[in-house]
Amino acid sequence: MTPVRGQSGFAAGMPNFAHSDVRAWARNVQRGGPGLLTGERPIFALALGWQVILTLEGYRVHNIDGANRFNVFHLAGECMERGLPVEDVLNTITVQRVFTPYQVLDVVSQIADEALRKRRERSEARDARADFAADERSRETSADSSGGETIYFFLSPCKQFFDGDVGEEEGEFLLKRLLGVFRYMARKSLPVMIVERGYDHPVFQRLYPELENLAGCHWPLTQIPDSEYHSGELSYGTHTGSLFHAD
């Protein structure tokens, strides 16, 4: 997918936020790189809605939540809106909360190592199946098209780096390390979606272009009047009300 950049308004940018886009991104992430969803408050509700969509495609989702953005009740509401079994969907979506920049770095590094280990195991399993009969091999390969692969959603991963207990130089040093791990994950084509509202902090403003540049696909969500945000009248797919109620 081609990165979406420079959208100046919500209405103009809406076609780029279609559910088909996130499906296509997930299927092509090994070639396209990490996803980046940025902008106004509804990005977190939108991200959770996308997670439900991805579970329907056979993926598992793991959230790394740096700012208490994960809302299980929102996910349950998404499922009920779509007539989906809530418990079955929630069993494929997990969350891990982080509270300091050091925890963020530890968790992201562990996830990178774990994701690569699982990928090696899947590759070895496919190689082992190559000795079976051609019809069985074809059937197994087809069943592994999404393979139950885990997609990692990072919700506000940068927030903890600007905590009042973290000095500016320390925060900048640690945030550069985080971006380094994200670049590593991008090089390894790991399925990562970064969801970040953004901050006025000068360190974030200096480093944000690096975050934007590592993304293979960027959805910037901007300029949403509060009256529209709370009204549920935005035109987005068939589940506008559940995607955009207030956080």
Protein backbone atom coordinates (compact mmCIF):
# COMPACT_ATOMS: atom_id res chain seq x y z
CA MET A 1 0.00 0.00 0.00
CA THR A 2 1.12 3.54 -0.66
CA PRO A 3 1.60 5.65 2.47
CA VAL A 4 -1.15 8.17 3.03
CA ARG A 5 0.38 11.57 3.79
CA GLY A 6 -0.74 15.15 3.99
CA GLN A 7 -4.47 14.62 4.53
CA SER A 8 -5.75 17.99 5.74
CA GLY A 9 -9.29 17.08 6.74
CA PHE A 10 -11.31 14.21 8.12
CA ALA A 11 -13.86 14.12 5.31
CA ALA A 12 -11.17 14.22 2.63
CA GLY A 13 -9.23 11.46 4.33
CA MET A 14 -12.09 9.08 5.04
CA PRO A 15 -11.66 6.79 1.99
CA ASN A 16 -8.19 5.93 3.27
CA PHE A 17 -9.61 4.61 6.55
CA ALA A 18 -11.74 1.87 5.00
CA HIS A 19 -11.72 -1.56 6.60
CA SER A 20 -10.47 -2.99 3.32
CA ASP A 21 -7.33 -0.89 3.72
CA VAL A 22 -6.34 -2.43 7.04
CA ARG A 23 -7.09 -5.90 5.69
CA ALA A 24 -4.84 -5.23 2.69
CA TRP A 25 -2.13 -3.80 4.95
CA ALA A 26 -2.17 -6.94 7.15
CA ARG A 27 -1.92 -9.25 4.14
CA ASN A 28 1.00 -7.31 2.68
CA VAL A 29 2.80 -6.16 5.83
CA GLN A 30 5.88 -8.24 5.05
CA ARG A 31 6.37 -6.12 1.95
CA GLY A 32 4.79 -2.86 3.07
CA GLY A 33 6.14 -2.30 6.57
CA PRO A 34 4.56 -1.11 9.84
CA GLY A 35 1.28 0.75 9.95
CA LEU A 36 0.96 4.13 11.64
CA LEU A 37 -2.37 5.59 12.80
CA THR A 38 -2.08 9.14 14.16
CA GLY A 39 -4.16 12.16 14.98
CA GLU A 40 -7.28 12.98 16.95
CA ARG A 41 -9.02 11.13 19.78
CA PRO A 42 -10.98 8.58 17.73
CA ILE A 43 -7.78 6.83 16.60
CA PHE A 44 -7.95 4.51 19.61
CA ALA A 45 -11.58 3.58 19.03
CA LEU A 46 -10.76 3.12 15.35
CA ALA A 47 -7.78 0.92 16.20
CA LEU A 48 -9.94 -1.33 18.38
CA GLY A 49 -12.51 -1.57 15.61
CA TRP A 50 -9.76 -2.61 13.22
CA GLN A 51 -8.70 -5.31 15.65
CA VAL A 52 -12.13 -6.91 15.43
CA ILE A 53 -11.87 -6.80 11.63
CA LEU A 54 -8.46 -8.48 11.74
CA THR A 55 -9.65 -11.30 14.00
CA LEU A 56 -12.27 -12.08 11.35
CA GLU A 57 -9.38 -12.50 8.91
CA GLY A 58 -7.84 -15.17 11.17
CA TYR A 59 -5.25 -13.03 12.93
CA ARG A 60 -4.59 -12.76 16.63
CA VAL A 61 -3.98 -9.30 18.10
CA HIS A 62 -1.73 -8.30 20.98
CA ASN A 63 -1.91 -4.76 22.39
CA ILE A 64 0.92 -2.97 24.16
CA ASP A 65 -0.86 -0.16 25.97
CA GLY A 66 1.21 2.79 27.16
CA ALA A 67 -1.60 5.14 28.23
CA ASN A 68 -4.64 3.11 29.30
CA ARG A 69 -6.14 3.28 25.82
CA PHE A 70 -7.34 -0.32 25.63
CA ASN A 71 -11.08 -0.63 26.32
CA VAL A 72 -12.52 -4.12 26.48
CA PHE A 73 -16.06 -2.74 26.65
CA HIS A 74 -15.52 -0.98 23.35
CA LEU A 75 -14.36 -4.24 21.79
CA ALA A 76 -17.43 -6.02 23.17
CA GLY A 77 -19.63 -3.28 21.71
CA GLU A 78 -17.95 -3.69 18.32
CA CYS A 79 -18.68 -7.42 18.41
CA MET A 80 -22.32 -6.93 19.37
CA GLU A 81 -22.77 -4.33 16.62
CA ARG A 82 -21.58 -6.94 14.14
CA GLY A 83 -23.45 -9.87 15.66
CA LEU A 84 -20.21 -11.62 16.57
CA PRO A 85 -19.68 -13.93 19.56
CA VAL A 86 -17.98 -11.58 22.03
CA GLU A 87 -16.09 -14.22 23.99
CA ASP A 88 -14.68 -15.88 20.88
CA VAL A 89 -13.36 -12.59 19.53
CA LEU A 90 -11.95 -11.44 22.86
CA ASN A 91 -10.08 -14.74 23.19
CA THR A 92 -7.99 -13.68 20.18
CA ILE A 93 -7.18 -10.17 21.49
CA THR A 94 -4.78 -9.66 24.39
CA VAL A 95 -3.33 -6.63 26.15
CA GLN A 96 -0.13 -5.86 28.02
CA ARG A 97 0.18 -2.57 29.88
CA VAL A 98 3.40 -0.62 30.36
CA PHE A 99 3.97 2.21 32.82
CA THR A 100 7.56 3.45 32.35
CA PRO A 101 9.79 4.05 29.32
CA TYR A 102 12.02 1.21 30.47
CA GLN A 103 9.08 -1.18 30.53
CA VAL A 104 8.15 -0.03 27.03
CA LEU A 105 11.65 -0.79 25.76
CA ASP A 106 11.80 -4.18 27.50
CA VAL A 107 8.40 -5.26 26.19
CA VAL A 108 9.02 -4.08 22.62
CA SER A 109 12.39 -5.87 22.52
CA GLN A 110 10.85 -9.06 23.90
CA ILE A 111 8.05 -8.93 21.36
CA ALA A 112 10.50 -8.52 18.49
CA ASP A 113 12.46 -11.59 19.65
CA GLU A 114 9.28 -13.63 20.27
CA ALA A 115 7.73 -12.72 16.92
CA LEU A 116 10.87 -13.76 15.06
CA ARG A 117 11.02 -17.03 17.01
CA LYS A 118 7.41 -17.84 16.12
CA ARG A 119 8.08 -17.00 12.48
CA ARG A 120 11.05 -19.40 12.42
CA GLU A 121 8.90 -22.12 13.97
CA ARG A 122 6.18 -21.63 11.34
CA SER A 123 8.79 -21.75 8.60
CA GLU A 124 10.29 -24.94 10.00
CA ALA A 125 6.84 -26.50 10.27
CA ARG A 126 6.13 -25.67 6.62
CA ASP A 127 9.46 -27.18 5.61
CA ALA A 128 8.62 -30.35 7.53
CA ARG A 129 5.27 -30.63 5.77
CA ALA A 130 7.04 -30.51 2.42
CA ASP A 131 7.62 -34.27 2.74
CA PHE A 132 3.90 -35.01 2.74
CA ALA A 133 1.79 -35.76 -0.32
CA ALA A 134 1.17 -32.84 -2.69
CA ASP A 135 -2.54 -32.58 -1.93
CA GLU A 136 -1.99 -32.49 1.82
CA ARG A 137 0.79 -29.93 1.45
CA SER A 138 -1.48 -27.70 -0.63
CA ARG A 139 -4.28 -27.91 1.89
CA GLU A 140 -2.00 -27.08 4.84
CA THR A 141 -0.39 -24.14 3.05
CA SER A 142 -3.79 -22.68 2.21
CA ALA A 143 -4.89 -22.96 5.83
CA ASP A 144 -1.78 -21.01 6.86
CA SER A 145 -2.42 -17.98 4.63
CA SER A 146 -2.92 -15.84 7.73
CA GLY A 147 -1.59 -18.62 9.93
CA GLY A 148 -3.11 -17.21 13.08
CA GLU A 149 -0.21 -14.76 13.01
CA THR A 150 -0.19 -12.15 15.76
CA ILE A 151 -0.43 -8.48 14.83
CA TYR A 152 1.00 -6.11 17.43
CA PHE A 153 -0.80 -2.85 18.21
CA PHE A 154 1.22 -0.27 20.13
CA LEU A 155 -1.22 2.16 21.76
CA SER A 156 0.46 5.46 22.73
CA PRO A 157 3.93 3.89 22.96
CA CYS A 158 5.65 7.29 23.29
CA LYS A 159 3.65 8.79 26.15
CA GLN A 160 5.75 7.37 29.00
CA PHE A 161 8.88 8.99 27.60
CA PHE A 162 7.49 12.42 28.47
CA ASP A 163 6.46 11.62 32.03
CA GLY A 164 7.34 14.30 34.57
CA ASP A 165 9.74 11.89 36.30
CA VAL A 166 11.76 11.45 33.10
CA GLY A 167 14.30 14.12 32.24
CA GLU A 168 14.27 15.58 28.74
CA GLU A 169 17.69 14.20 27.78
CA GLU A 170 16.88 10.81 29.28
CA GLY A 171 13.53 10.71 27.50
CA GLU A 172 15.10 11.62 24.17
CA PHE A 173 17.80 8.96 24.56
CA LEU A 174 15.25 6.29 25.43
CA LEU A 175 12.83 7.33 22.70
CA LYS A 176 15.63 7.05 20.12
CA ARG A 177 16.20 3.51 21.38
CA LEU A 178 12.50 2.75 20.93
CA LEU A 179 12.57 4.06 17.38
CA GLY A 180 15.61 1.88 16.78
CA VAL A 181 13.66 -1.22 17.84
CA PHE A 182 10.75 -0.18 15.62
CA ARG A 183 13.16 0.19 12.69
CA TYR A 184 14.50 -3.29 13.43
CA MET A 185 10.96 -4.67 13.45
CA ALA A 186 10.31 -2.90 10.14
CA ARG A 187 13.42 -4.46 8.58
CA LYS A 188 12.25 -7.87 9.76
CA SER A 189 8.78 -7.18 8.33
CA LEU A 190 7.03 -7.86 11.63
CA PRO A 191 3.29 -7.03 11.70
CA VAL A 192 3.22 -3.84 13.78
CA MET A 193 0.59 -1.10 14.01
CA ILE A 194 1.63 2.03 15.93
CA VAL A 195 -1.26 4.17 17.21
CA GLU A 196 -0.08 7.52 18.54
CA ARG A 197 -2.01 10.73 19.17
CA GLY A 198 1.11 12.91 19.29
CA TYR A 199 2.52 15.46 21.73
CA ASP A 200 3.68 19.07 21.76
CA HIS A 201 6.83 18.09 23.63
CA PRO A 202 9.90 19.33 21.67
CA VAL A 203 11.57 15.90 21.79
CA PHE A 204 8.54 14.27 20.17
CA GLN A 205 8.37 17.02 17.57
CA ARG A 206 12.03 16.44 16.67
CA LEU A 207 11.75 12.67 16.46
CA TYR A 208 8.27 12.32 14.97
CA PRO A 209 9.55 12.45 11.34
CA GLU A 210 11.60 9.33 12.08
CA LEU A 211 8.48 7.53 13.31
CA GLU A 212 6.57 8.64 10.23
CA ASN A 213 9.35 7.60 7.85
CA LEU A 214 9.56 4.02 9.13
CA ALA A 215 5.85 3.44 8.46
CA GLY A 216 4.89 1.58 5.33
CA CYS A 217 1.37 2.98 5.54
CA HIS A 218 0.24 6.05 7.46
CA TRP A 219 -3.36 6.95 8.30
CA PRO A 220 -3.46 10.54 9.68
CA LEU A 221 -6.79 11.38 11.28
CA THR A 222 -7.23 15.14 11.73
CA GLN A 223 -9.65 18.01 12.21
CA ILE A 224 -12.69 16.42 13.84
CA PRO A 225 -15.07 18.91 15.50
CA ASP A 226 -16.14 17.80 18.97
CA SER A 227 -19.78 18.07 17.98
CA GLU A 228 -19.27 15.52 15.22
CA TYR A 229 -17.02 13.35 17.35
CA HIS A 230 -19.73 12.88 19.97
CA SER A 231 -22.70 12.75 17.63
CA GLY A 232 -22.03 9.40 15.99
CA GLU A 233 -23.05 10.95 12.68
CA LEU A 234 -19.72 10.64 10.90
CA SER A 235 -19.90 8.70 7.67
CA TYR A 236 -17.61 5.72 8.12
CA GLY A 237 -18.60 2.28 6.92
CA THR A 238 -21.68 0.71 8.47
CA HIS A 239 -20.63 0.87 12.13
CA THR A 240 -20.06 4.58 12.66
CA GLY A 241 -21.67 4.74 16.09
CA SER A 242 -19.53 1.99 17.62
CA LEU A 243 -16.30 3.23 16.08
CA PHE A 244 -16.54 6.82 17.18
CA HIS A 245 -18.25 7.10 20.55
CA ALA A 246 -16.38 9.23 23.06
CA ASP A 247 -13.49 7.87 25.11
